[in-house]
C-alpha cells in the first residue's frame, strides 16, 4: 500500500485524495484480508489530509493505538 501511494503520488503526480479513494475502496473488499486493515484505513485518511508519507501515518496511528489501548 505504501508503494502504491508513492508511485501514484510521486511518479504519476496523482493528487493524494484521488489516490486514497480507490485504495480505501480496495481495502473494503471482503476478499482482502490484512491484520492491519484498520490501521491502513486510518492512515490513508490521515495521509490524504496531511503532508506526511503513508508510512509515517501508519507509524503514527499504530503508536496512538498502543498508547490509548
PDB file of N, CA and C in Angstrom:
ATOM      1  N   UNK A   1       0.824  -1.180   0.000  1.00  0.00           N
ATOM      2  CA  UNK A   1       0.000   0.000   0.000  1.00  0.00           C
ATOM      3  C   UNK A   1       0.877   1.255   0.000  1.00  0.00           C
ATOM      4  N   UNK A   2       1.941   1.211   0.782  1.00  0.00           N
ATOM      5  CA  UNK A   2       2.867   2.352   0.824  1.00  0.00           C
ATOM      6  C   UNK A   2       3.480   2.576  -0.552  1.00  0.00           C
ATOM      7  N   UNK A   3       3.880   1.515  -1.192  1.00  0.00           N
ATOM      8  CA  UNK A   3       4.483   1.629  -2.518  1.00  0.00           C
ATOM      9  C   UNK A   3       3.462   2.148  -3.531  1.00  0.00           C
ATOM     10  N   UNK A   4       2.237   1.695  -3.430  1.00  0.00           N
ATOM     11  CA  UNK A   4       1.183   2.177  -4.338  1.00  0.00           C
ATOM     12  C   UNK A   4       0.982   3.675  -4.201  1.00  0.00           C
ATOM     13  N   UNK A   5       0.893   4.165  -2.973  1.00  0.00           N
ATOM     14  CA  UNK A   5       0.690   5.599  -2.779  1.00  0.00           C
ATOM     15  C   UNK A   5       1.896   6.387  -3.273  1.00  0.00           C
ATOM     16  N   UNK A   6       3.079   5.862  -3.059  1.00  0.00           N
ATOM     17  CA  UNK A   6       4.288   6.557  -3.520  1.00  0.00           C
ATOM     18  C   UNK A   6       4.287   6.676  -5.043  1.00  0.00           C
ATOM     19  N   UNK A   7       4.071   5.567  -5.721  1.00  0.00           N
ATOM     20  CA  UNK A   7       4.104   5.576  -7.187  1.00  0.00           C
ATOM     21  C   UNK A   7       3.003   6.475  -7.747  1.00  0.00           C
ATOM     22  N   UNK A   8       1.798   6.368  -7.187  1.00  0.00           N
ATOM     23  CA  UNK A   8       0.689   7.184  -7.683  1.00  0.00           C
ATOM     24  C   UNK A   8       0.926   8.673  -7.481  1.00  0.00           C
ATOM     25  N   UNK A   9       1.385   9.054  -6.295  1.00  0.00           N
ATOM     26  CA  UNK A   9       1.508  10.480  -5.989  1.00  0.00           C
ATOM     27  C   UNK A   9       2.816  11.097  -6.467  1.00  0.00           C
ATOM     28  N   UNK A  10       3.896  10.386  -6.367  1.00  0.00           N
ATOM     29  CA  UNK A  10       5.206  10.951  -6.720  1.00  0.00           C
ATOM     30  C   UNK A  10       5.556  10.743  -8.198  1.00  0.00           C
ATOM     31  N   UNK A  11       5.361   9.529  -8.678  1.00  0.00           N
ATOM     32  CA  UNK A  11       5.764   9.215 -10.048  1.00  0.00           C
ATOM     33  C   UNK A  11       4.734   9.719 -11.059  1.00  0.00           C
ATOM     34  N   UNK A  12       3.446   9.418 -10.793  1.00  0.00           N
ATOM     35  CA  UNK A  12       2.391   9.801 -11.730  1.00  0.00           C
ATOM     36  C   UNK A  12       1.743  11.148 -11.397  1.00  0.00           C
ATOM     37  N   UNK A  13       2.040  11.711 -10.237  1.00  0.00           N
ATOM     38  CA  UNK A  13       1.509  13.018  -9.887  1.00  0.00           C
ATOM     39  C   UNK A  13       0.030  13.052  -9.560  1.00  0.00           C
ATOM     40  N   UNK A  14      -0.532  11.921  -9.175  1.00  0.00           N
ATOM     41  CA  UNK A  14      -1.941  11.865  -8.799  1.00  0.00           C
ATOM     42  C   UNK A  14      -2.115  12.567  -7.450  1.00  0.00           C
ATOM     43  N   UNK A  15      -3.081  13.493  -7.330  1.00  0.00           N
ATOM     44  CA  UNK A  15      -3.317  14.130  -6.036  1.00  0.00           C
ATOM     45  C   UNK A  15      -3.654  13.097  -4.961  1.00  0.00           C
ATOM     46  N   UNK A  16      -3.234  13.368  -3.741  1.00  0.00           N
ATOM     47  CA  UNK A  16      -3.411  12.401  -2.653  1.00  0.00           C
ATOM     48  C   UNK A  16      -4.856  11.938  -2.508  1.00  0.00           C
ATOM     49  N   UNK A  17      -5.803  12.885  -2.519  1.00  0.00           N
ATOM     50  CA  UNK A  17      -7.197  12.488  -2.309  1.00  0.00           C
ATOM     51  C   UNK A  17      -7.711  11.590  -3.428  1.00  0.00           C
ATOM     52  N   UNK A  18      -7.209  11.770  -4.637  1.00  0.00           N
ATOM     53  CA  UNK A  18      -7.603  10.906  -5.749  1.00  0.00           C
ATOM     54  C   UNK A  18      -6.943   9.534  -5.663  1.00  0.00           C
ATOM     55  N   UNK A  19      -5.779   9.448  -5.079  1.00  0.00           N
ATOM     56  CA  UNK A  19      -5.084   8.168  -4.912  1.00  0.00           C
ATOM     57  C   UNK A  19      -5.672   7.377  -3.752  1.00  0.00           C
ATOM     58  N   UNK A  20      -6.098   8.071  -2.708  1.00  0.00           N
ATOM     59  CA  UNK A  20      -6.586   7.408  -1.492  1.00  0.00           C
ATOM     60  C   UNK A  20      -7.941   6.747  -1.704  1.00  0.00           C
ATOM     61  N   UNK A  21      -8.824   7.379  -2.444  1.00  0.00           N
ATOM     62  CA  UNK A  21     -10.195   6.866  -2.606  1.00  0.00           C
ATOM     63  C   UNK A  21     -10.234   5.423  -3.147  1.00  0.00           C
ATOM     64  N   UNK A  22      -9.589   5.115  -4.260  1.00  0.00           N
ATOM     65  CA  UNK A  22      -9.654   3.733  -4.746  1.00  0.00           C
ATOM     66  C   UNK A  22      -8.897   2.735  -3.854  1.00  0.00           C
ATOM     67  N   UNK A  23      -7.822   3.189  -3.222  1.00  0.00           N
ATOM     68  CA  UNK A  23      -7.076   2.293  -2.337  1.00  0.00           C
ATOM     69  C   UNK A  23      -7.902   1.959  -1.096  1.00  0.00           C
ATOM     70  N   UNK A  24      -8.636   2.940  -0.601  1.00  0.00           N
ATOM     71  CA  UNK A  24      -9.534   2.703   0.529  1.00  0.00           C
ATOM     72  C   UNK A  24     -10.630   1.727   0.113  1.00  0.00           C
ATOM     73  N   UNK A  25     -11.174   1.950  -1.056  1.00  0.00           N
ATOM     74  CA  UNK A  25     -12.199   1.040  -1.576  1.00  0.00           C
ATOM     75  C   UNK A  25     -11.683  -0.379  -1.718  1.00  0.00           C
ATOM     76  N   UNK A  26     -10.464  -0.512  -2.163  1.00  0.00           N
ATOM     77  CA  UNK A  26      -9.848  -1.832  -2.312  1.00  0.00           C
ATOM     78  C   UNK A  26      -9.783  -2.563  -0.972  1.00  0.00           C
ATOM     79  N   UNK A  27      -9.446  -1.846   0.089  1.00  0.00           N
ATOM     80  CA  UNK A  27      -9.345  -2.466   1.411  1.00  0.00           C
ATOM     81  C   UNK A  27     -10.698  -2.909   1.955  1.00  0.00           C
ATOM     82  N   UNK A  28     -11.776  -2.368   1.422  1.00  0.00           N
ATOM     83  CA  UNK A  28     -13.113  -2.731   1.886  1.00  0.00           C
ATOM     84  C   UNK A  28     -13.674  -3.982   1.207  1.00  0.00           C
ATOM     85  N   UNK A  29     -12.998  -4.501   0.188  1.00  0.00           N
ATOM     86  CA  UNK A  29     -13.454  -5.739  -0.435  1.00  0.00           C
ATOM     87  C   UNK A  29     -13.392  -6.881   0.571  1.00  0.00           C
ATOM     88  N   UNK A  30     -14.396  -7.749   0.553  1.00  0.00           N
ATOM     89  CA  UNK A  30     -14.462  -8.858   1.505  1.00  0.00           C
ATOM     90  C   UNK A  30     -13.275  -9.804   1.380  1.00  0.00           C
ATOM     91  N   UNK A  31     -12.780  -9.998   0.182  1.00  0.00           N
ATOM     92  CA  UNK A  31     -11.689 -10.941  -0.037  1.00  0.00           C
ATOM     93  C   UNK A  31     -10.321 -10.436   0.385  1.00  0.00           C
ATOM     94  N   UNK A  32     -10.205  -9.167   0.679  1.00  0.00           N
ATOM     95  CA  UNK A  32      -8.925  -8.601   1.098  1.00  0.00           C
ATOM     96  C   UNK A  32      -8.768  -8.818   2.597  1.00  0.00           C
ATOM     97  N   UNK A  33      -7.772  -9.595   2.959  1.00  0.00           N
ATOM     98  CA  UNK A  33      -7.521  -9.898   4.365  1.00  0.00           C
ATOM     99  C   UNK A  33      -6.174  -9.321   4.746  1.00  0.00           C
ATOM    100  N   UNK A  34      -6.182  -8.530   5.818  1.00  0.00           N
ATOM    101  CA  UNK A  34      -4.955  -7.916   6.289  1.00  0.00           C
ATOM    102  C   UNK A  34      -5.126  -7.635   7.776  1.00  0.00           C
ATOM    103  N   UNK A  35      -4.166  -8.058   8.575  1.00  0.00           N
ATOM    104  CA  UNK A  35      -4.252  -7.840  10.018  1.00  0.00           C
ATOM    105  C   UNK A  35      -4.231  -6.359  10.383  1.00  0.00           C
ATOM    106  N   UNK A  36      -3.682  -5.531   9.524  1.00  0.00           N
ATOM    107  CA  UNK A  36      -3.554  -4.093   9.788  1.00  0.00           C
ATOM    108  C   UNK A  36      -4.559  -3.261   9.002  1.00  0.00           C
ATOM    109  N   UNK A  37      -5.668  -3.862   8.577  1.00  0.00           N
ATOM    110  CA  UNK A  37      -6.631  -3.157   7.730  1.00  0.00           C
ATOM    111  C   UNK A  37      -7.136  -1.875   8.389  1.00  0.00           C
ATOM    112  N   UNK A  38      -7.478  -1.921   9.662  1.00  0.00           N
ATOM    113  CA  UNK A  38      -7.990  -0.734  10.356  1.00  0.00           C
ATOM    114  C   UNK A  38      -6.925   0.367  10.402  1.00  0.00           C
ATOM    115  N   UNK A  39      -5.694  -0.037  10.666  1.00  0.00           N
ATOM    116  CA  UNK A  39      -4.602   0.935  10.710  1.00  0.00           C
ATOM    117  C   UNK A  39      -4.380   1.534   9.323  1.00  0.00           C
ATOM    118  N   UNK A  40      -4.412   0.716   8.295  1.00  0.00           N
ATOM    119  CA  UNK A  40      -4.235   1.207   6.929  1.00  0.00           C
ATOM    120  C   UNK A  40      -5.333   2.188   6.545  1.00  0.00           C
ATOM    121  N   UNK A  41      -6.567   1.878   6.895  1.00  0.00           N
ATOM    122  CA  UNK A  41      -7.680   2.768   6.563  1.00  0.00           C
ATOM    123  C   UNK A  41      -7.534   4.126   7.260  1.00  0.00           C
ATOM    124  N   UNK A  42      -7.194   4.099   8.535  1.00  0.00           N
ATOM    125  CA  UNK A  42      -6.992   5.349   9.265  1.00  0.00           C
ATOM    126  C   UNK A  42      -5.785   6.113   8.716  1.00  0.00           C
ATOM    127  N   UNK A  43      -4.733   5.386   8.397  1.00  0.00           N
ATOM    128  CA  UNK A  43      -3.525   6.013   7.876  1.00  0.00           C
ATOM    129  C   UNK A  43      -3.784   6.644   6.503  1.00  0.00           C
ATOM    130  N   UNK A  44      -4.574   5.986   5.666  1.00  0.00           N
ATOM    131  CA  UNK A  44      -4.903   6.556   4.365  1.00  0.00           C
ATOM    132  C   UNK A  44      -5.707   7.842   4.526  1.00  0.00           C
ATOM    133  N   UNK A  45      -6.637   7.853   5.469  1.00  0.00           N
ATOM    134  CA  UNK A  45      -7.423   9.071   5.719  1.00  0.00           C
ATOM    135  C   UNK A  45      -6.519  10.207   6.197  1.00  0.00           C
ATOM    136  N   UNK A  46      -5.598   9.899   7.082  1.00  0.00           N
ATOM    137  CA  UNK A  46      -4.658  10.901   7.582  1.00  0.00           C
ATOM    138  C   UNK A  46      -3.735  11.379   6.460  1.00  0.00           C
ATOM    139  N   UNK A  47      -3.236  10.450   5.676  1.00  0.00           N
ATOM    140  CA  UNK A  47      -2.349  10.734   4.552  1.00  0.00           C
ATOM    141  C   UNK A  47      -2.989  11.702   3.564  1.00  0.00           C
ATOM    142  N   UNK A  48      -4.280  11.551   3.319  1.00  0.00           N
ATOM    143  CA  UNK A  48      -4.986  12.389   2.348  1.00  0.00           C
ATOM    144  C   UNK A  48      -4.994  13.854   2.761  1.00  0.00           C
ATOM    145  N   UNK A  49      -4.987  14.106   4.072  1.00  0.00           N
ATOM    146  CA  UNK A  49      -5.111  15.478   4.537  1.00  0.00           C
ATOM    147  C   UNK A  49      -3.860  16.106   5.110  1.00  0.00           C
ATOM    148  N   UNK A  50      -2.792  15.372   5.188  1.00  0.00           N
ATOM    149  CA  UNK A  50      -1.553  15.887   5.799  1.00  0.00           C
ATOM    150  C   UNK A  50      -0.393  15.787   4.821  1.00  0.00           C
ATOM    151  N   UNK A  51       0.666  16.493   5.119  1.00  0.00           N
ATOM    152  CA  UNK A  51       1.866  16.402   4.280  1.00  0.00           C
ATOM    153  C   UNK A  51       2.838  15.395   4.888  1.00  0.00           C
ATOM    154  N   UNK A  52       2.336  14.187   5.087  1.00  0.00           N
ATOM    155  CA  UNK A  52       3.124  13.069   5.606  1.00  0.00           C
ATOM    156  C   UNK A  52       3.088  11.933   4.600  1.00  0.00           C
ATOM    157  N   UNK A  53       4.099  11.089   4.631  1.00  0.00           N
ATOM    158  CA  UNK A  53       4.068   9.870   3.824  1.00  0.00           C
ATOM    159  C   UNK A  53       3.145   8.861   4.485  1.00  0.00           C
ATOM    160  N   UNK A  54       2.649   7.909   3.710  1.00  0.00           N
ATOM    161  CA  UNK A  54       1.750   6.900   4.269  1.00  0.00           C
ATOM    162  C   UNK A  54       2.451   6.088   5.355  1.00  0.00           C
ATOM    163  N   UNK A  55       3.718   5.779   5.166  1.00  0.00           N
ATOM    164  CA  UNK A  55       4.448   5.008   6.179  1.00  0.00           C
ATOM    165  C   UNK A  55       4.478   5.760   7.512  1.00  0.00           C
ATOM    166  N   UNK A  56       4.696   7.071   7.459  1.00  0.00           N
ATOM    167  CA  UNK A  56       4.699   7.880   8.678  1.00  0.00           C
ATOM    168  C   UNK A  56       3.313   7.885   9.317  1.00  0.00           C
ATOM    169  N   UNK A  57       2.284   7.965   8.500  1.00  0.00           N
ATOM    170  CA  UNK A  57       0.913   7.938   9.015  1.00  0.00           C
ATOM    171  C   UNK A  57       0.615   6.606   9.700  1.00  0.00           C
ATOM    172  N   UNK A  58       1.101   5.519   9.127  1.00  0.00           N
ATOM    173  CA  UNK A  58       0.885   4.203   9.726  1.00  0.00           C
ATOM    174  C   UNK A  58       1.589   4.105  11.080  1.00  0.00           C
ATOM    175  N   UNK A  59       2.802   4.606  11.163  1.00  0.00           N
ATOM    176  CA  UNK A  59       3.540   4.586  12.430  1.00  0.00           C
ATOM    177  C   UNK A  59       2.804   5.414  13.478  1.00  0.00           C
ATOM    178  N   UNK A  60       2.318   6.569  13.080  1.00  0.00           N
ATOM    179  CA  UNK A  60       1.582   7.443  13.990  1.00  0.00           C
ATOM    180  C   UNK A  60       0.310   6.784  14.507  1.00  0.00           C
ATOM    181  N   UNK A  61      -0.476   6.199  13.623  1.00  0.00           N
ATOM    182  CA  UNK A  61      -1.725   5.544  14.017  1.00  0.00           C
ATOM    183  C   UNK A  61      -1.436   4.361  14.942  1.00  0.00           C
ATOM    184  N   UNK A  62      -0.442   3.560  14.589  1.00  0.00           N
ATOM    185  CA  UNK A  62      -0.093   2.411  15.420  1.00  0.00           C
ATOM    186  C   UNK A  62       0.362   2.862  16.820  1.00  0.00           C
ATOM    187  N   UNK A  63       1.157   3.916  16.892  1.00  0.00           N
ATOM    188  CA  UNK A  63       1.630   4.437  18.177  1.00  0.00           C
ATOM    189  C   UNK A  63       0.466   4.958  19.003  1.00  0.00           C
ATOM    190  N   UNK A  64      -0.454   5.678  18.376  1.00  0.00           N
ATOM    191  CA  UNK A  64      -1.627   6.174  19.082  1.00  0.00           C
ATOM    192  C   UNK A  64      -2.459   5.035  19.652  1.00  0.00           C
ATOM    193  N   UNK A  65      -2.625   3.971  18.882  1.00  0.00           N
ATOM    194  CA  UNK A  65      -3.403   2.816  19.361  1.00  0.00           C
ATOM    195  C   UNK A  65      -2.727   2.125  20.533  1.00  0.00           C
ATOM    196  N   UNK A  66      -1.401   2.073  20.538  1.00  0.00           N
ATOM    197  CA  UNK A  66      -0.681   1.448  21.640  1.00  0.00           C
ATOM    198  C   UNK A  66      -0.785   2.286  22.905  1.00  0.00           C
ATOM    199  N   UNK A  67      -0.772   3.599  22.760  1.00  0.00           N
ATOM    200  CA  UNK A  67      -0.858   4.492  23.910  1.00  0.00           C
ATOM    201  C   UNK A  67      -2.255   4.477  24.504  1.00  0.00           C
ATOM    202  N   UNK A  68      -3.270   4.535  23.629  1.00  0.00           N
ATOM    203  CA  UNK A  68      -4.650   4.600  24.108  1.00  0.00           C
ATOM    204  C   UNK A  68      -5.234   3.231  24.408  1.00  0.00           C
ATOM    205  N   UNK A  69      -4.587   2.195  23.954  1.00  0.00           N
ATOM    206  CA  UNK A  69      -5.013   0.832  24.248  1.00  0.00           C
ATOM    207  C   UNK A  69      -6.026   0.366  23.322  1.00  0.00           C
TER     208      UNK A  69
END
